[in-house]
Full PDB file with SEQRES, HELIX, SHEET, SSBOND, CRYST1, ORIGX, SCALE, CONECT and MASTER records, all heavy atoms in Angstrom:
SEQRES   1 A   32  LYS LEU THR GLU LYS GLY LYS GLU GLU ALA THR ASN ILE          
SEQRES   2 A   32  ILE LYS LYS HIS ASN VAL LEU LYS ALA PHE LEU ILE GLN          
SEQRES   3 A   32  ILE LEU ASN VAL ASN ASN                                      
HELIX    1 AA1 GLU A    4  ALA A   22  1                                  19    
HELIX    2 AA2 PHE A   23  ILE A   27  3                                   5    
CRYST1    1.000    1.000    1.000  90.00  90.00  90.00 P 1           1          
ORIGX1      1.000000  0.000000  0.000000        0.00000                         
ORIGX2      0.000000  1.000000  0.000000        0.00000                         
ORIGX3      0.000000  0.000000  1.000000        0.00000                         
SCALE1      1.000000  0.000000  0.000000        0.00000                         
SCALE2      0.000000  1.000000  0.000000        0.00000                         
SCALE3      0.000000  0.000000  1.000000        0.00000                         
ATOM      1  N   LYS A   1     172.806  38.184 -39.884  1.00  0.00           N  
ATOM      2  CA  LYS A   1     174.269  37.938 -39.463  1.00  0.00           C  
ATOM      3  C   LYS A   1     175.135  39.186 -39.913  1.00  0.00           C  
ATOM      4  O   LYS A   1     174.880  39.629 -41.023  1.00  0.00           O  
ATOM      5  CB  LYS A   1     174.751  36.601 -40.129  1.00  0.00           C  
ATOM      6  CG  LYS A   1     174.131  35.387 -39.662  1.00  0.00           C  
ATOM      7  CD  LYS A   1     174.710  34.112 -40.225  1.00  0.00           C  
ATOM      8  CE  LYS A   1     174.098  32.928 -39.577  1.00  0.00           C  
ATOM      9  NZ  LYS A   1     174.680  31.722 -40.038  1.00  0.00           N  
ATOM     10  N   LEU A   2     176.111  39.453 -39.161  1.00  0.00           N  
ATOM     11  CA  LEU A   2     177.082  40.543 -39.493  1.00  0.00           C  
ATOM     12  C   LEU A   2     178.132  39.895 -40.526  1.00  0.00           C  
ATOM     13  O   LEU A   2     178.629  38.740 -40.229  1.00  0.00           O  
ATOM     14  CB  LEU A   2     177.680  41.087 -38.320  1.00  0.00           C  
ATOM     15  CG  LEU A   2     176.964  41.999 -37.448  1.00  0.00           C  
ATOM     16  CD1 LEU A   2     177.795  42.333 -36.180  1.00  0.00           C  
ATOM     17  CD2 LEU A   2     176.540  43.283 -38.137  1.00  0.00           C  
ATOM     18  N   THR A   3     178.419  40.643 -41.583  1.00  0.00           N  
ATOM     19  CA  THR A   3     179.489  40.215 -42.428  1.00  0.00           C  
ATOM     20  C   THR A   3     180.795  40.595 -41.567  1.00  0.00           C  
ATOM     21  O   THR A   3     180.756  41.302 -40.655  1.00  0.00           O  
ATOM     22  CB  THR A   3     179.450  40.941 -43.773  1.00  0.00           C  
ATOM     23  OG1 THR A   3     179.537  42.333 -43.520  1.00  0.00           O  
ATOM     24  CG2 THR A   3     178.155  40.576 -44.452  1.00  0.00           C  
ATOM     25  N   GLU A   4     181.955  40.216 -42.204  1.00  0.00           N  
ATOM     26  CA  GLU A   4     183.199  40.613 -41.558  1.00  0.00           C  
ATOM     27  C   GLU A   4     183.298  42.174 -41.641  1.00  0.00           C  
ATOM     28  O   GLU A   4     183.808  42.795 -40.513  1.00  0.00           O  
ATOM     29  CB  GLU A   4     184.428  39.986 -42.248  1.00  0.00           C  
ATOM     30  CG  GLU A   4     184.626  38.505 -42.007  1.00  0.00           C  
ATOM     31  CD  GLU A   4     184.798  38.277 -40.441  1.00  0.00           C  
ATOM     32  OE1 GLU A   4     185.588  38.952 -39.811  1.00  0.00           O  
ATOM     33  OE2 GLU A   4     184.065  37.287 -39.916  1.00  0.00           O  
ATOM     34  N   LYS A   5     182.895  42.774 -42.697  1.00  0.00           N  
ATOM     35  CA  LYS A   5     182.879  44.217 -42.784  1.00  0.00           C  
ATOM     36  C   LYS A   5     181.954  44.832 -41.731  1.00  0.00           C  
ATOM     37  O   LYS A   5     182.205  45.836 -41.254  1.00  0.00           O  
ATOM     38  CB  LYS A   5     182.453  44.690 -44.187  1.00  0.00           C  
ATOM     39  CG  LYS A   5     182.464  46.069 -44.464  1.00  0.00           C  
ATOM     40  CD  LYS A   5     182.052  46.403 -46.001  1.00  0.00           C  
ATOM     41  CE  LYS A   5     181.905  47.861 -46.137  1.00  0.00           C  
ATOM     42  NZ  LYS A   5     181.446  48.179 -47.544  1.00  0.00           N  
ATOM     43  N   GLY A   6     180.850  44.102 -41.551  1.00  0.00           N  
ATOM     44  CA  GLY A   6     179.875  44.695 -40.577  1.00  0.00           C  
ATOM     45  C   GLY A   6     180.409  44.502 -39.139  1.00  0.00           C  
ATOM     46  O   GLY A   6     180.252  45.481 -38.313  1.00  0.00           O  
ATOM     47  N   LYS A   7     181.066  43.484 -38.858  1.00  0.00           N  
ATOM     48  CA  LYS A   7     181.744  43.287 -37.521  1.00  0.00           C  
ATOM     49  C   LYS A   7     182.778  44.379 -37.301  1.00  0.00           C  
ATOM     50  O   LYS A   7     182.943  45.033 -36.222  1.00  0.00           O  
ATOM     51  CB  LYS A   7     182.453  41.932 -37.340  1.00  0.00           C  
ATOM     52  CG  LYS A   7     181.401  40.782 -37.287  1.00  0.00           C  
ATOM     53  CD  LYS A   7     182.182  39.532 -37.255  1.00  0.00           C  
ATOM     54  CE  LYS A   7     181.242  38.276 -37.277  1.00  0.00           C  
ATOM     55  NZ  LYS A   7     181.841  37.032 -37.484  1.00  0.00           N  
ATOM     56  N   GLU A   8     183.568  44.654 -38.336  1.00  0.00           N  
ATOM     57  CA  GLU A   8     184.549  45.703 -38.222  1.00  0.00           C  
ATOM     58  C   GLU A   8     183.920  47.089 -38.075  1.00  0.00           C  
ATOM     59  O   GLU A   8     184.506  47.779 -37.119  1.00  0.00           O  
ATOM     60  CB  GLU A   8     185.476  45.652 -39.560  1.00  0.00           C  
ATOM     61  CG  GLU A   8     186.614  46.611 -39.478  1.00  0.00           C  
ATOM     62  CD  GLU A   8     187.461  46.573 -40.843  1.00  0.00           C  
ATOM     63  OE1 GLU A   8     187.747  45.425 -41.245  1.00  0.00           O  
ATOM     64  OE2 GLU A   8     187.831  47.614 -41.287  1.00  0.00           O  
ATOM     65  N   GLU A   9     182.941  47.258 -38.809  1.00  0.00           N  
ATOM     66  CA  GLU A   9     182.285  48.636 -38.647  1.00  0.00           C  
ATOM     67  C   GLU A   9     181.559  48.816 -37.280  1.00  0.00           C  
ATOM     68  O   GLU A   9     181.703  49.874 -36.632  1.00  0.00           O  
ATOM     69  CB  GLU A   9     181.239  48.810 -39.774  1.00  0.00           C  
ATOM     70  CG  GLU A   9     180.679  50.131 -39.843  1.00  0.00           C  
ATOM     71  CD  GLU A   9     181.665  51.187 -40.240  1.00  0.00           C  
ATOM     72  OE1 GLU A   9     182.542  50.960 -41.027  1.00  0.00           O  
ATOM     73  OE2 GLU A   9     181.554  52.384 -39.806  1.00  0.00           O  
ATOM     74  N   ALA A  10     180.929  47.800 -36.821  1.00  0.00           N  
ATOM     75  CA  ALA A  10     180.245  47.779 -35.467  1.00  0.00           C  
ATOM     76  C   ALA A  10     181.398  47.971 -34.392  1.00  0.00           C  
ATOM     77  O   ALA A  10     181.176  48.818 -33.488  1.00  0.00           O  
ATOM     78  CB  ALA A  10     179.589  46.401 -35.212  1.00  0.00           C  
ATOM     79  N   THR A  11     182.556  47.393 -34.469  1.00  0.00           N  
ATOM     80  CA  THR A  11     183.573  47.467 -33.477  1.00  0.00           C  
ATOM     81  C   THR A  11     184.075  48.953 -33.575  1.00  0.00           C  
ATOM     82  O   THR A  11     184.380  49.504 -32.568  1.00  0.00           O  
ATOM     83  CB  THR A  11     184.790  46.617 -33.833  1.00  0.00           C  
ATOM     84  OG1 THR A  11     184.197  45.161 -33.852  1.00  0.00           O  
ATOM     85  CG2 THR A  11     185.873  46.703 -32.824  1.00  0.00           C  
ATOM     86  N   ASN A  12     184.284  49.556 -34.749  1.00  0.00           N  
ATOM     87  CA  ASN A  12     184.695  50.933 -34.815  1.00  0.00           C  
ATOM     88  C   ASN A  12     183.652  51.897 -34.260  1.00  0.00           C  
ATOM     89  O   ASN A  12     184.069  52.859 -33.608  1.00  0.00           O  
ATOM     90  CB  ASN A  12     184.983  51.287 -36.302  1.00  0.00           C  
ATOM     91  CG  ASN A  12     186.276  50.596 -36.890  1.00  0.00           C  
ATOM     92  OD1 ASN A  12     187.115  50.290 -36.125  1.00  0.00           O  
ATOM     93  ND2 ASN A  12     186.185  50.451 -38.166  1.00  0.00           N  
ATOM     94  N   ILE A  13     182.437  51.568 -34.433  1.00  0.00           N  
ATOM     95  CA  ILE A  13     181.378  52.422 -33.772  1.00  0.00           C  
ATOM     96  C   ILE A  13     181.499  52.416 -32.328  1.00  0.00           C  
ATOM     97  O   ILE A  13     181.437  53.437 -31.673  1.00  0.00           O  
ATOM     98  CB  ILE A  13     179.968  51.988 -34.341  1.00  0.00           C  
ATOM     99  CG1 ILE A  13     179.839  52.309 -35.806  1.00  0.00           C  
ATOM    100  CG2 ILE A  13     178.835  52.771 -33.497  1.00  0.00           C  
ATOM    101  CD1 ILE A  13     178.588  51.643 -36.386  1.00  0.00           C  
ATOM    102  N   ILE A  14     181.696  51.285 -31.788  1.00  0.00           N  
ATOM    103  CA  ILE A  14     181.792  51.116 -30.345  1.00  0.00           C  
ATOM    104  C   ILE A  14     183.041  51.788 -29.724  1.00  0.00           C  
ATOM    105  O   ILE A  14     183.065  52.458 -28.816  1.00  0.00           O  
ATOM    106  CB  ILE A  14     181.712  49.573 -29.901  1.00  0.00           C  
ATOM    107  CG1 ILE A  14     180.253  48.926 -30.226  1.00  0.00           C  
ATOM    108  CG2 ILE A  14     182.128  49.350 -28.418  1.00  0.00           C  
ATOM    109  CD1 ILE A  14     180.203  47.514 -30.086  1.00  0.00           C  
ATOM    110  N   LYS A  15     184.158  51.686 -30.549  1.00  0.00           N  
ATOM    111  CA  LYS A  15     185.385  52.187 -30.109  1.00  0.00           C  
ATOM    112  C   LYS A  15     185.189  53.800 -30.112  1.00  0.00           C  
ATOM    113  O   LYS A  15     185.715  54.381 -29.245  1.00  0.00           O  
ATOM    114  CB  LYS A  15     186.502  51.758 -31.006  1.00  0.00           C  
ATOM    115  CG  LYS A  15     187.814  52.603 -30.804  1.00  0.00           C  
ATOM    116  CD  LYS A  15     188.904  52.316 -31.777  1.00  0.00           C  
ATOM    117  CE  LYS A  15     190.170  53.189 -31.425  1.00  0.00           C  
ATOM    118  NZ  LYS A  15     190.984  53.311 -32.509  1.00  0.00           N  
ATOM    119  N   LYS A  16     184.653  54.333 -31.146  1.00  0.00           N  
ATOM    120  CA  LYS A  16     184.403  55.713 -31.299  1.00  0.00           C  
ATOM    121  C   LYS A  16     183.653  56.273 -30.091  1.00  0.00           C  
ATOM    122  O   LYS A  16     184.023  57.201 -29.398  1.00  0.00           O  
ATOM    123  CB  LYS A  16     183.687  56.059 -32.605  1.00  0.00           C  
ATOM    124  CG  LYS A  16     183.660  57.521 -32.905  1.00  0.00           C  
ATOM    125  CD  LYS A  16     182.898  57.751 -34.192  1.00  0.00           C  
ATOM    126  CE  LYS A  16     183.746  57.710 -35.392  1.00  0.00           C  
ATOM    127  NZ  LYS A  16     183.082  58.264 -36.605  1.00  0.00           N  
ATOM    128  N   HIS A  17     182.580  55.511 -29.794  1.00  0.00           N  
ATOM    129  CA  HIS A  17     181.670  55.893 -28.627  1.00  0.00           C  
ATOM    130  C   HIS A  17     182.485  55.915 -27.410  1.00  0.00           C  
ATOM    131  O   HIS A  17     182.476  56.855 -26.571  1.00  0.00           O  
ATOM    132  CB  HIS A  17     180.472  55.026 -28.528  1.00  0.00           C  
ATOM    133  CG  HIS A  17     179.618  55.276 -27.307  1.00  0.00           C  
ATOM    134  ND1 HIS A  17     178.666  56.324 -27.347  1.00  0.00           N  
ATOM    135  CD2 HIS A  17     179.641  54.791 -26.113  1.00  0.00           C  
ATOM    136  CE1 HIS A  17     178.149  56.312 -26.174  1.00  0.00           C  
ATOM    137  NE2 HIS A  17     178.710  55.358 -25.398  1.00  0.00           N  
ATOM    138  N   ASN A  18     183.265  54.906 -27.066  1.00  0.00           N  
ATOM    139  CA  ASN A  18     183.933  54.668 -25.808  1.00  0.00           C  
ATOM    140  C   ASN A  18     185.050  55.662 -25.700  1.00  0.00           C  
ATOM    141  O   ASN A  18     185.274  56.118 -24.651  1.00  0.00           O  
ATOM    142  CB  ASN A  18     184.450  53.226 -25.756  1.00  0.00           C  
ATOM    143  CG  ASN A  18     183.342  52.262 -25.643  1.00  0.00           C  
ATOM    144  OD1 ASN A  18     182.262  52.611 -25.110  1.00  0.00           O  
ATOM    145  ND2 ASN A  18     183.620  50.980 -25.830  1.00  0.00           N  
ATOM    146  N   VAL A  19     185.730  55.905 -26.798  1.00  0.00           N  
ATOM    147  CA  VAL A  19     186.870  56.946 -26.697  1.00  0.00           C  
ATOM    148  C   VAL A  19     186.295  58.324 -26.320  1.00  0.00           C  
ATOM    149  O   VAL A  19     186.831  59.071 -25.489  1.00  0.00           O  
ATOM    150  CB  VAL A  19     187.673  57.010 -27.959  1.00  0.00           C  
ATOM    151  CG1 VAL A  19     188.565  58.197 -28.088  1.00  0.00           C  
ATOM    152  CG2 VAL A  19     188.427  55.739 -28.147  1.00  0.00           C  
ATOM    153  N   LEU A  20     185.194  58.715 -27.051  1.00  0.00           N  
ATOM    154  CA  LEU A  20     184.558  59.998 -26.723  1.00  0.00           C  
ATOM    155  C   LEU A  20     184.073  60.033 -25.265  1.00  0.00           C  
ATOM    156  O   LEU A  20     184.215  61.068 -24.538  1.00  0.00           O  
ATOM    157  CB  LEU A  20     183.440  60.268 -27.695  1.00  0.00           C  
ATOM    158  CG  LEU A  20     183.859  60.565 -29.169  1.00  0.00           C  
ATOM    159  CD1 LEU A  20     182.661  60.484 -30.127  1.00  0.00           C  
ATOM    160  CD2 LEU A  20     184.642  61.756 -29.307  1.00  0.00           C  
ATOM    161  N   LYS A  21     183.371  58.944 -24.896  1.00  0.00           N  
ATOM    162  CA  LYS A  21     182.927  58.911 -23.519  1.00  0.00           C  
ATOM    163  C   LYS A  21     184.096  59.068 -22.519  1.00  0.00           C  
ATOM    164  O   LYS A  21     184.125  59.775 -21.504  1.00  0.00           O  
ATOM    165  CB  LYS A  21     182.190  57.696 -23.229  1.00  0.00           C  
ATOM    166  CG  LYS A  21     181.385  57.570 -21.983  1.00  0.00           C  
ATOM    167  CD  LYS A  21     180.572  56.359 -21.740  1.00  0.00           C  
ATOM    168  CE  LYS A  21     180.096  56.266 -20.384  1.00  0.00           C  
ATOM    169  NZ  LYS A  21     179.346  54.994 -20.143  1.00  0.00           N  
ATOM    170  N   ALA A  22     185.234  58.352 -22.741  1.00  0.00           N  
ATOM    171  CA  ALA A  22     186.370  58.286 -21.865  1.00  0.00           C  
ATOM    172  C   ALA A  22     186.995  59.724 -21.834  1.00  0.00           C  
ATOM    173  O   ALA A  22     187.284  60.221 -20.709  1.00  0.00           O  
ATOM    174  CB  ALA A  22     187.383  57.357 -22.351  1.00  0.00           C  
ATOM    175  N   PHE A  23     187.027  60.369 -22.952  1.00  0.00           N  
ATOM    176  CA  PHE A  23     187.488  61.791 -22.994  1.00  0.00           C  
ATOM    177  C   PHE A  23     186.668  62.726 -22.245  1.00  0.00           C  
ATOM    178  O   PHE A  23     187.188  63.466 -21.322  1.00  0.00           O  
ATOM    179  CB  PHE A  23     187.556  62.340 -24.419  1.00  0.00           C  
ATOM    180  CG  PHE A  23     188.149  63.752 -24.549  1.00  0.00           C  
ATOM    181  CD1 PHE A  23     189.480  64.024 -24.632  1.00  0.00           C  
ATOM    182  CD2 PHE A  23     187.233  64.797 -24.654  1.00  0.00           C  
ATOM    183  CE1 PHE A  23     189.960  65.258 -24.722  1.00  0.00           C  
ATOM    184  CE2 PHE A  23     187.730  66.079 -24.707  1.00  0.00           C  
ATOM    185  CZ  PHE A  23     189.035  66.274 -24.727  1.00  0.00           C  
ATOM    186  N   LEU A  24     185.446  62.593 -22.273  1.00  0.00           N  
ATOM    187  CA  LEU A  24     184.506  63.454 -21.616  1.00  0.00           C  
ATOM    188  C   LEU A  24     184.587  63.210 -20.124  1.00  0.00           C  
ATOM    189  O   LEU A  24     184.547  64.162 -19.353  1.00  0.00           O  
ATOM    190  CB  LEU A  24     183.002  63.183 -22.066  1.00  0.00           C  
ATOM    191  CG  LEU A  24     182.746  63.697 -23.470  1.00  0.00           C  
ATOM    192  CD1 LEU A  24     181.384  63.216 -23.968  1.00  0.00           C  
ATOM    193  CD2 LEU A  24     182.755  65.184 -23.582  1.00  0.00           C  
ATOM    194  N   ILE A  25     184.578  61.878 -19.760  1.00  0.00           N  
ATOM    195  CA  ILE A  25     184.752  61.633 -18.289  1.00  0.00           C  
ATOM    196  C   ILE A  25     186.129  61.810 -17.662  1.00  0.00           C  
ATOM    197  O   ILE A  25     186.266  62.676 -16.652  1.00  0.00           O  
ATOM    198  CB  ILE A  25     184.300  60.157 -18.046  1.00  0.00           C  
ATOM    199  CG1 ILE A  25     182.870  59.919 -18.376  1.00  0.00           C  
ATOM    200  CG2 ILE A  25     184.636  59.717 -16.594  1.00  0.00           C  
ATOM    201  CD1 ILE A  25     182.404  58.490 -18.338  1.00  0.00           C  
ATOM    202  N   GLN A  26     187.178  61.306 -18.351  1.00  0.00           N  
ATOM    203  CA  GLN A  26     188.569  61.471 -17.769  1.00  0.00           C  
ATOM    204  C   GLN A  26     189.235  62.687 -17.919  1.00  0.00           C  
ATOM    205  O   GLN A  26     189.844  63.223 -17.059  1.00  0.00           O  
ATOM    206  CB  GLN A  26     189.449  60.363 -18.472  1.00  0.00           C  
ATOM    207  CG  GLN A  26     188.902  58.888 -18.429  1.00  0.00           C  
ATOM    208  CD  GLN A  26     188.744  58.397 -17.011  1.00  0.00           C  
ATOM    209  OE1 GLN A  26     189.329  58.865 -16.071  1.00  0.00           O  
ATOM    210  NE2 GLN A  26     187.810  57.466 -16.892  1.00  0.00           N  
ATOM    211  N   ILE A  27     189.040  63.412 -19.001  1.00  0.00           N  
ATOM    212  CA  ILE A  27     189.656  64.644 -19.252  1.00  0.00           C  
ATOM    213  C   ILE A  27     188.860  65.872 -18.869  1.00  0.00           C  
ATOM    214  O   ILE A  27     189.220  66.740 -18.171  1.00  0.00           O  
ATOM    215  CB  ILE A  27     190.107  64.852 -20.750  1.00  0.00           C  
ATOM    216  CG1 ILE A  27     190.950  63.689 -21.099  1.00  0.00           C  
ATOM    217  CG2 ILE A  27     190.763  66.157 -20.947  1.00  0.00           C  
ATOM    218  CD1 ILE A  27     192.167  63.468 -20.338  1.00  0.00           C  
ATOM    219  N   LEU A  28     187.501  65.885 -19.179  1.00  0.00           N  
ATOM    220  CA  LEU A  28     186.713  66.984 -18.919  1.00  0.00           C  
ATOM    221  C   LEU A  28     185.837  66.887 -17.682  1.00  0.00           C  
ATOM    222  O   LEU A  28     185.141  67.767 -17.248  1.00  0.00           O  
ATOM    223  CB  LEU A  28     185.692  67.286 -20.071  1.00  0.00           C  
ATOM    224  CG  LEU A  28     186.407  67.494 -21.399  1.00  0.00           C  
ATOM    225  CD1 LEU A  28     185.339  67.804 -22.538  1.00  0.00           C  
ATOM    226  CD2 LEU A  28     187.399  68.761 -21.354  1.00  0.00           C  
ATOM    227  N   ASN A  29     185.901  65.722 -17.024  1.00  0.00           N  
ATOM    228  CA  ASN A  29     185.255  65.447 -15.653  1.00  0.00           C  
ATOM    229  C   ASN A  29     183.623  65.583 -15.872  1.00  0.00           C  
ATOM    230  O   ASN A  29     182.962  66.042 -15.020  1.00  0.00           O  
ATOM    231  CB  ASN A  29     185.664  66.282 -14.636  1.00  0.00           C  
ATOM    232  CG  ASN A  29     187.033  66.009 -14.198  1.00  0.00           C  
ATOM    233  OD1 ASN A  29     187.465  64.797 -14.101  1.00  0.00           O  
ATOM    234  ND2 ASN A  29     187.940  66.991 -13.967  1.00  0.00           N  
ATOM    235  N   VAL A  30     183.177  65.199 -17.060  1.00  0.00           N  
ATOM    236  CA  VAL A  30     181.723  65.176 -17.267  1.00  0.00           C  
ATOM    237  C   VAL A  30     181.156  63.954 -16.510  1.00  0.00           C  
ATOM    238  O   VAL A  30     181.740  62.944 -16.521  1.00  0.00           O  
ATOM    239  CB  VAL A  30     181.416  65.068 -18.683  1.00  0.00           C  
ATOM    240  CG1 VAL A  30     179.865  64.902 -19.109  1.00  0.00           C  
ATOM    241  CG2 VAL A  30     181.889  66.346 -19.524  1.00  0.00           C  
ATOM    242  N   ASN A  31     179.985  64.071 -15.942  1.00  0.00           N  
ATOM    243  CA  ASN A  31     179.337  62.857 -15.248  1.00  0.00           C  
ATOM    244  C   ASN A  31     179.037  61.841 -16.227  1.00  0.00           C  
ATOM    245  O   ASN A  31     178.874  62.015 -17.481  1.00  0.00           O  
ATOM    246  CB  ASN A  31     178.179  63.292 -14.304  1.00  0.00           C  
ATOM    247  CG  ASN A  31     177.008  63.626 -15.144  1.00  0.00           C  
ATOM    248  OD1 ASN A  31     176.560  62.755 -15.960  1.00  0.00           O  
ATOM    249  ND2 ASN A  31     176.463  64.843 -14.940  1.00  0.00           N  
ATOM    250  N   ASN A  32     179.042  60.563 -15.794  1.00  0.00           N  
ATOM    251  CA  ASN A  32     178.760  59.370 -16.583  1.00  0.00           C  
ATOM    252  C   ASN A  32     177.674  59.449 -17.543  1.00  0.00           C  
ATOM    253  O   ASN A  32     177.708  59.172 -18.662  1.00  0.00           O  
ATOM    254  CB  ASN A  32     178.713  58.132 -15.766  1.00  0.00           C  
ATOM    255  CG  ASN A  32     178.864  56.906 -16.522  1.00  0.00           C  
ATOM    256  OD1 ASN A  32     179.779  56.729 -17.385  1.00  0.00           O  
ATOM    257  ND2 ASN A  32     177.845  56.046 -16.363  1.00  0.00           N  
TER     258      ASN A  32                                                      
MASTER        0    0    0    2    0    0    0    6  257    1    0    3          
END                                                                             
């Protein structure tokens, strides 16, 4: 089971990935 701290950290990891991916796709026009 994830602790609250674990859930928060997992959410941050997903956010970091998604923001970077969005930047690459939306701003730099990198393919998916």
